[in-house]
Amino acid sequence: MCIRDRYQRRVHGEWYLLMNRCILPKVMYHLQTFEVNPRNQNIDLIKNILEWEDYLPFEQIVNLYETQLLQKFGAILNEWLENPQASKEEMRRWLSGWMSLFSSRALEHPIIANHFRRLLDKV
């Protein structure tokens, strides 16, 4: 059992208040400042953020994924598509790699699913 699980059980009703006040702003900040770089991507921060998914209000997490992360994917993909020599297969692998980091719950959410579908349709 992880320390978050033990703490969550101890603070019961205060859990989401604590998450909204302390953790969610940090997650938002790190997603806002995260640089998507297909050439040299460090995903450790994103993996750490994704681990909080079960502890934060899910709809808020989905909103953050959409507004702070998935839009960056779209911008990078658009830049990539402007290069006539760019490999569409490499773009698909890049998107698939990102998708593999997300939970099935997140990938099944209509907002996330539609966003990834639109991105994949571009390539």
N, C-alpha and C. Protein backbone atom coordinates (compact mmCIF):
# COMPACT_ATOMS: atom_id res chain seq x y z
N MET A 1 0.84 -1.18 0.00
CA MET A 1 0.00 0.00 0.00
C MET A 1 0.89 1.24 0.00
N CYS A 2 0.58 2.15 -0.85
CA CYS A 2 1.37 3.37 -0.97
C CYS A 2 0.96 4.37 0.11
N ILE A 3 1.86 5.29 0.42
CA ILE A 3 1.60 6.26 1.48
C ILE A 3 0.37 7.12 1.18
N ARG A 4 0.13 7.39 -0.11
CA ARG A 4 -1.06 8.17 -0.46
C ARG A 4 -2.33 7.44 -0.04
N ASP A 5 -2.36 6.11 -0.22
CA ASP A 5 -3.54 5.33 0.16
C ASP A 5 -3.77 5.40 1.66
N ARG A 6 -2.71 5.25 2.44
CA ARG A 6 -2.85 5.30 3.90
C ARG A 6 -3.31 6.68 4.34
N TYR A 7 -2.75 7.72 3.74
CA TYR A 7 -3.12 9.07 4.12
C TYR A 7 -4.56 9.37 3.72
N GLN A 8 -4.96 8.90 2.56
CA GLN A 8 -6.32 9.14 2.08
C GLN A 8 -7.34 8.56 3.06
N ARG A 9 -7.05 7.37 3.58
CA ARG A 9 -7.99 6.75 4.53
C ARG A 9 -8.04 7.51 5.85
N ARG A 10 -6.95 8.13 6.24
CA ARG A 10 -6.90 8.84 7.52
C ARG A 10 -7.64 10.17 7.47
N VAL A 11 -7.62 10.86 6.35
CA VAL A 11 -8.22 12.19 6.30
C VAL A 11 -9.63 12.19 5.71
N HIS A 12 -10.10 11.07 5.25
CA HIS A 12 -11.47 10.86 4.75
C HIS A 12 -12.02 12.06 3.98
N GLY A 13 -12.96 12.79 4.57
CA GLY A 13 -13.67 13.86 3.88
C GLY A 13 -12.80 15.04 3.49
N GLU A 14 -11.66 15.18 4.12
CA GLU A 14 -10.77 16.30 3.81
C GLU A 14 -9.88 16.02 2.61
N TRP A 15 -9.93 14.78 2.11
CA TRP A 15 -8.99 14.36 1.06
C TRP A 15 -9.07 15.25 -0.18
N TYR A 16 -10.27 15.44 -0.74
CA TYR A 16 -10.38 16.22 -1.97
C TYR A 16 -10.08 17.69 -1.73
N LEU A 17 -10.38 18.18 -0.55
CA LEU A 17 -10.01 19.55 -0.21
C LEU A 17 -8.49 19.69 -0.21
N LEU A 18 -7.82 18.73 0.39
CA LEU A 18 -6.36 18.72 0.41
C LEU A 18 -5.81 18.62 -1.01
N MET A 19 -6.37 17.74 -1.81
CA MET A 19 -5.90 17.57 -3.19
C MET A 19 -6.11 18.84 -4.01
N ASN A 20 -7.28 19.47 -3.84
CA ASN A 20 -7.58 20.68 -4.61
C ASN A 20 -6.70 21.85 -4.19
N ARG A 21 -6.36 21.91 -2.93
CA ARG A 21 -5.56 23.03 -2.44
C ARG A 21 -4.06 22.84 -2.66
N CYS A 22 -3.59 21.62 -2.51
CA CYS A 22 -2.15 21.39 -2.48
C CYS A 22 -1.60 20.69 -3.72
N ILE A 23 -2.25 19.65 -4.15
CA ILE A 23 -1.69 18.82 -5.22
C ILE A 23 -2.12 19.30 -6.60
N LEU A 24 -3.39 19.56 -6.79
CA LEU A 24 -3.89 19.95 -8.11
C LEU A 24 -3.17 21.19 -8.67
N PRO A 25 -2.92 22.24 -7.87
CA PRO A 25 -2.17 23.38 -8.43
C PRO A 25 -0.76 23.00 -8.88
N LYS A 26 -0.12 22.09 -8.17
CA LYS A 26 1.22 21.65 -8.57
C LYS A 26 1.17 20.83 -9.86
N VAL A 27 0.17 19.96 -9.96
CA VAL A 27 0.00 19.18 -11.19
C VAL A 27 -0.24 20.12 -12.36
N MET A 28 -1.12 21.11 -12.15
CA MET A 28 -1.41 22.07 -13.22
C MET A 28 -0.15 22.83 -13.62
N TYR A 29 0.60 23.29 -12.66
CA TYR A 29 1.83 24.03 -12.97
C TYR A 29 2.79 23.17 -13.79
N HIS A 30 3.01 21.93 -13.35
CA HIS A 30 3.96 21.08 -14.06
C HIS A 30 3.48 20.72 -15.46
N LEU A 31 2.18 20.56 -15.64
CA LEU A 31 1.66 20.30 -16.99
C LEU A 31 1.80 21.55 -17.86
N GLN A 32 1.55 22.72 -17.29
CA GLN A 32 1.67 23.96 -18.05
C GLN A 32 3.10 24.20 -18.51
N THR A 33 4.06 23.88 -17.67
CA THR A 33 5.45 24.18 -17.99
C THR A 33 6.17 23.01 -18.67
N PHE A 34 5.49 21.89 -18.81
CA PHE A 34 6.10 20.72 -19.43
C PHE A 34 6.34 20.97 -20.91
N GLU A 35 7.54 20.68 -21.36
CA GLU A 35 7.88 20.85 -22.77
C GLU A 35 7.79 19.51 -23.49
N VAL A 36 6.98 19.48 -24.53
CA VAL A 36 6.88 18.29 -25.37
C VAL A 36 7.96 18.40 -26.43
N ASN A 37 8.83 17.40 -26.48
CA ASN A 37 9.96 17.43 -27.39
C ASN A 37 10.17 16.03 -27.97
N PRO A 38 9.65 15.77 -29.16
CA PRO A 38 9.77 14.43 -29.73
C PRO A 38 11.21 13.97 -29.95
N ARG A 39 12.13 14.90 -30.10
CA ARG A 39 13.53 14.52 -30.34
C ARG A 39 14.24 14.03 -29.08
N ASN A 40 13.85 14.58 -27.93
CA ASN A 40 14.55 14.23 -26.70
C ASN A 40 13.57 14.41 -25.53
N GLN A 41 12.65 13.49 -25.43
CA GLN A 41 11.58 13.63 -24.45
C GLN A 41 11.93 12.96 -23.13
N ASN A 42 11.82 13.71 -22.06
CA ASN A 42 11.93 13.15 -20.72
C ASN A 42 10.51 13.02 -20.18
N ILE A 43 10.08 11.80 -19.94
CA ILE A 43 8.69 11.57 -19.53
C ILE A 43 8.56 11.27 -18.04
N ASP A 44 9.63 11.38 -17.29
CA ASP A 44 9.57 11.06 -15.86
C ASP A 44 8.53 11.92 -15.14
N LEU A 45 8.51 13.22 -15.42
CA LEU A 45 7.55 14.11 -14.78
C LEU A 45 6.12 13.69 -15.12
N ILE A 46 5.87 13.38 -16.38
CA ILE A 46 4.52 12.98 -16.78
C ILE A 46 4.12 11.68 -16.11
N LYS A 47 5.03 10.73 -16.02
CA LYS A 47 4.72 9.48 -15.32
C LYS A 47 4.34 9.75 -13.88
N ASN A 48 5.06 10.65 -13.23
CA ASN A 48 4.74 11.00 -11.85
C ASN A 48 3.37 11.65 -11.74
N ILE A 49 3.04 12.52 -12.69
CA ILE A 49 1.73 13.17 -12.67
C ILE A 49 0.62 12.15 -12.91
N LEU A 50 0.83 11.26 -13.86
CA LEU A 50 -0.19 10.26 -14.17
C LEU A 50 -0.47 9.35 -12.98
N GLU A 51 0.49 9.18 -12.10
CA GLU A 51 0.28 8.35 -10.91
C GLU A 51 -0.73 8.97 -9.95
N TRP A 52 -0.97 10.26 -10.05
CA TRP A 52 -1.92 10.94 -9.17
C TRP A 52 -3.37 10.82 -9.67
N GLU A 53 -3.56 10.28 -10.84
CA GLU A 53 -4.89 10.24 -11.46
C GLU A 53 -5.96 9.66 -10.54
N ASP A 54 -5.64 8.60 -9.82
CA ASP A 54 -6.63 7.95 -8.96
C ASP A 54 -6.93 8.73 -7.68
N TYR A 55 -6.14 9.73 -7.40
CA TYR A 55 -6.28 10.46 -6.14
C TYR A 55 -6.90 11.84 -6.30
N LEU A 56 -7.07 12.27 -7.52
CA LEU A 56 -7.62 13.58 -7.81
C LEU A 56 -8.97 13.43 -8.49
N PRO A 57 -9.83 14.44 -8.40
CA PRO A 57 -11.11 14.36 -9.11
C PRO A 57 -10.88 14.10 -10.61
N PHE A 58 -11.44 13.01 -11.10
CA PHE A 58 -11.12 12.54 -12.44
C PHE A 58 -11.45 13.57 -13.53
N GLU A 59 -12.59 14.23 -13.43
CA GLU A 59 -12.97 15.20 -14.47
C GLU A 59 -11.98 16.37 -14.50
N GLN A 60 -11.43 16.74 -13.36
CA GLN A 60 -10.44 17.81 -13.34
C GLN A 60 -9.14 17.35 -14.00
N ILE A 61 -8.78 16.10 -13.76
CA ILE A 61 -7.58 15.55 -14.39
C ILE A 61 -7.77 15.50 -15.91
N VAL A 62 -8.92 15.04 -16.35
CA VAL A 62 -9.20 14.99 -17.79
C VAL A 62 -9.09 16.39 -18.39
N ASN A 63 -9.65 17.37 -17.70
CA ASN A 63 -9.57 18.75 -18.19
C ASN A 63 -8.12 19.21 -18.29
N LEU A 64 -7.31 18.87 -17.29
CA LEU A 64 -5.89 19.25 -17.34
C LEU A 64 -5.17 18.52 -18.47
N TYR A 65 -5.45 17.25 -18.64
CA TYR A 65 -4.83 16.52 -19.75
C TYR A 65 -5.15 17.20 -21.07
N GLU A 66 -6.43 17.54 -21.23
CA GLU A 66 -6.86 18.13 -22.50
C GLU A 66 -6.24 19.51 -22.72
N THR A 67 -6.33 20.38 -21.72
CA THR A 67 -5.91 21.77 -21.92
C THR A 67 -4.42 21.98 -21.79
N GLN A 68 -3.74 21.17 -21.01
CA GLN A 68 -2.34 21.42 -20.74
C GLN A 68 -1.38 20.45 -21.43
N LEU A 69 -1.87 19.30 -21.84
CA LEU A 69 -0.96 18.32 -22.43
C LEU A 69 -1.35 17.95 -23.86
N LEU A 70 -2.59 17.57 -24.07
CA LEU A 70 -3.00 17.11 -25.39
C LEU A 70 -2.94 18.22 -26.44
N GLN A 71 -3.21 19.45 -26.02
CA GLN A 71 -3.09 20.56 -26.97
C GLN A 71 -1.64 20.75 -27.40
N LYS A 72 -0.71 20.48 -26.49
CA LYS A 72 0.71 20.56 -26.85
C LYS A 72 1.05 19.49 -27.88
N PHE A 73 0.47 18.28 -27.71
CA PHE A 73 0.70 17.22 -28.68
C PHE A 73 0.24 17.68 -30.06
N GLY A 74 -0.94 18.31 -30.10
CA GLY A 74 -1.48 18.79 -31.37
C GLY A 74 -0.58 19.83 -32.01
N ALA A 75 -0.07 20.76 -31.22
CA ALA A 75 0.81 21.80 -31.75
C ALA A 75 2.10 21.19 -32.31
N ILE A 76 2.68 20.25 -31.58
CA ILE A 76 3.91 19.59 -32.04
C ILE A 76 3.63 18.81 -33.32
N LEU A 77 2.52 18.10 -33.34
CA LEU A 77 2.18 17.31 -34.52
C LEU A 77 1.97 18.21 -35.74
N ASN A 78 1.32 19.35 -35.55
CA ASN A 78 1.13 20.30 -36.66
C ASN A 78 2.47 20.79 -37.20
N GLU A 79 3.40 21.11 -36.30
CA GLU A 79 4.74 21.53 -36.74
C GLU A 79 5.42 20.41 -37.52
N TRP A 80 5.30 19.22 -37.01
CA TRP A 80 5.93 18.05 -37.61
C TRP A 80 5.37 17.80 -39.01
N LEU A 81 4.05 17.96 -39.15
CA LEU A 81 3.40 17.71 -40.44
C LEU A 81 3.81 18.74 -41.51
N GLU A 82 4.29 19.89 -41.08
CA GLU A 82 4.74 20.90 -42.05
C GLU A 82 6.02 20.48 -42.76
N ASN A 83 6.74 19.55 -42.21
CA ASN A 83 7.97 19.07 -42.82
C ASN A 83 7.63 17.96 -43.81
N PRO A 84 7.86 18.18 -45.11
CA PRO A 84 7.48 17.18 -46.10
C PRO A 84 8.26 15.87 -45.97
N GLN A 85 9.42 15.90 -45.34
CA GLN A 85 10.20 14.67 -45.18
C GLN A 85 9.86 13.91 -43.89
N ALA A 86 8.99 14.46 -43.09
CA ALA A 86 8.66 13.82 -41.82
C ALA A 86 7.97 12.48 -42.07
N SER A 87 8.32 11.52 -41.25
CA SER A 87 7.75 10.18 -41.37
C SER A 87 6.43 10.09 -40.59
N LYS A 88 5.37 9.79 -41.32
CA LYS A 88 4.08 9.64 -40.66
C LYS A 88 4.06 8.42 -39.75
N GLU A 89 4.82 7.41 -40.11
CA GLU A 89 4.92 6.23 -39.25
C GLU A 89 5.57 6.59 -37.92
N GLU A 90 6.60 7.44 -37.98
CA GLU A 90 7.25 7.89 -36.75
C GLU A 90 6.28 8.72 -35.90
N MET A 91 5.45 9.52 -36.55
CA MET A 91 4.45 10.31 -35.83
C MET A 91 3.44 9.39 -35.14
N ARG A 92 3.02 8.35 -35.84
CA ARG A 92 2.07 7.39 -35.23
C ARG A 92 2.70 6.69 -34.04
N ARG A 93 3.96 6.29 -34.17
CA ARG A 93 4.66 5.64 -33.06
C ARG A 93 4.78 6.60 -31.87
N TRP A 94 5.07 7.86 -32.16
CA TRP A 94 5.19 8.87 -31.11
C TRP A 94 3.86 9.01 -30.36
N LEU A 95 2.77 9.13 -31.11
CA LEU A 95 1.45 9.24 -30.47
C LEU A 95 1.10 7.97 -29.70
N SER A 96 1.38 6.82 -30.29
CA SER A 96 1.10 5.55 -29.61
C SER A 96 1.90 5.43 -28.32
N GLY A 97 3.13 5.91 -28.34
CA GLY A 97 3.95 5.89 -27.13
C GLY A 97 3.33 6.73 -26.03
N TRP A 98 2.84 7.90 -26.39
CA TRP A 98 2.17 8.74 -25.41
C TRP A 98 0.90 8.08 -24.91
N MET A 99 0.14 7.51 -25.82
CA MET A 99 -1.11 6.86 -25.42
C MET A 99 -0.85 5.72 -24.45
N SER A 100 0.27 5.04 -24.61
CA SER A 100 0.58 3.90 -23.74
C SER A 100 0.83 4.34 -22.29
N LEU A 101 1.10 5.60 -22.07
CA LEU A 101 1.33 6.10 -20.71
C LEU A 101 0.03 6.34 -19.95
N PHE A 102 -1.04 6.60 -20.68
CA PHE A 102 -2.32 6.95 -20.05
C PHE A 102 -3.04 5.68 -19.58
N SER A 103 -3.81 5.84 -18.53
CA SER A 103 -4.61 4.72 -18.03
C SER A 103 -5.72 4.40 -19.03
N SER A 104 -6.23 3.18 -18.97
CA SER A 104 -7.35 2.82 -19.85
C SER A 104 -8.56 3.68 -19.52
N ARG A 105 -8.73 4.02 -18.25
CA ARG A 105 -9.84 4.89 -17.84
C ARG A 105 -9.75 6.24 -18.56
N ALA A 106 -8.55 6.80 -18.59
CA ALA A 106 -8.38 8.10 -19.26
C ALA A 106 -8.58 7.96 -20.77
N LEU A 107 -8.00 6.91 -21.36
CA LEU A 107 -8.12 6.73 -22.81
C LEU A 107 -9.55 6.47 -23.25
N GLU A 108 -10.36 5.92 -22.35
CA GLU A 108 -11.77 5.65 -22.69
C GLU A 108 -12.66 6.87 -22.47
N HIS A 109 -12.15 7.88 -21.80
CA HIS A 109 -12.95 9.08 -21.59
C HIS A 109 -13.16 9.75 -22.95
N PRO A 110 -14.40 10.15 -23.26
CA PRO A 110 -14.68 10.71 -24.60
C PRO A 110 -13.79 11.88 -25.00
N ILE A 111 -13.46 12.76 -24.09
CA ILE A 111 -12.62 13.91 -24.43
C ILE A 111 -11.23 13.46 -24.84
N ILE A 112 -10.64 12.58 -24.05
CA ILE A 112 -9.30 12.08 -24.34
C ILE A 112 -9.31 11.23 -25.61
N ALA A 113 -10.28 10.32 -25.69
CA ALA A 113 -10.37 9.44 -26.86
C ALA A 113 -10.53 10.25 -28.14
N ASN A 114 -11.40 11.24 -28.13
CA ASN A 114 -11.62 12.06 -29.33
C ASN A 114 -10.37 12.86 -29.69
N HIS A 115 -9.69 13.36 -28.69
CA HIS A 115 -8.49 14.14 -28.97
C HIS A 115 -7.43 13.27 -29.63
N PHE A 116 -7.17 12.08 -29.06
CA PHE A 116 -6.18 11.20 -29.67
C PHE A 116 -6.64 10.73 -31.06
N ARG A 117 -7.92 10.50 -31.23
CA ARG A 117 -8.44 10.06 -32.54
C ARG A 117 -8.20 11.15 -33.58
N ARG A 118 -8.46 12.40 -33.21
CA ARG A 118 -8.22 13.52 -34.15
C ARG A 118 -6.74 13.62 -34.50
N LEU A 119 -5.88 13.43 -33.50
CA LEU A 119 -4.44 13.50 -33.76
C LEU A 119 -4.01 12.38 -34.70
N LEU A 120 -4.48 11.17 -34.42
CA LEU A 120 -4.13 10.04 -35.26
C LEU A 120 -4.68 10.20 -36.68
N ASP A 121 -5.86 10.80 -36.80
CA ASP A 121 -6.45 11.02 -38.13
C ASP A 121 -5.61 11.99 -38.97
N LYS A 122 -4.88 12.88 -38.32
CA LYS A 122 -4.03 13.83 -39.05
C LYS A 122 -2.88 13.12 -39.77
N VAL A 123 -2.43 12.02 -39.17
CA VAL A 123 -1.29 11.33 -39.76
C VAL A 123 -1.77 10.12 -40.51
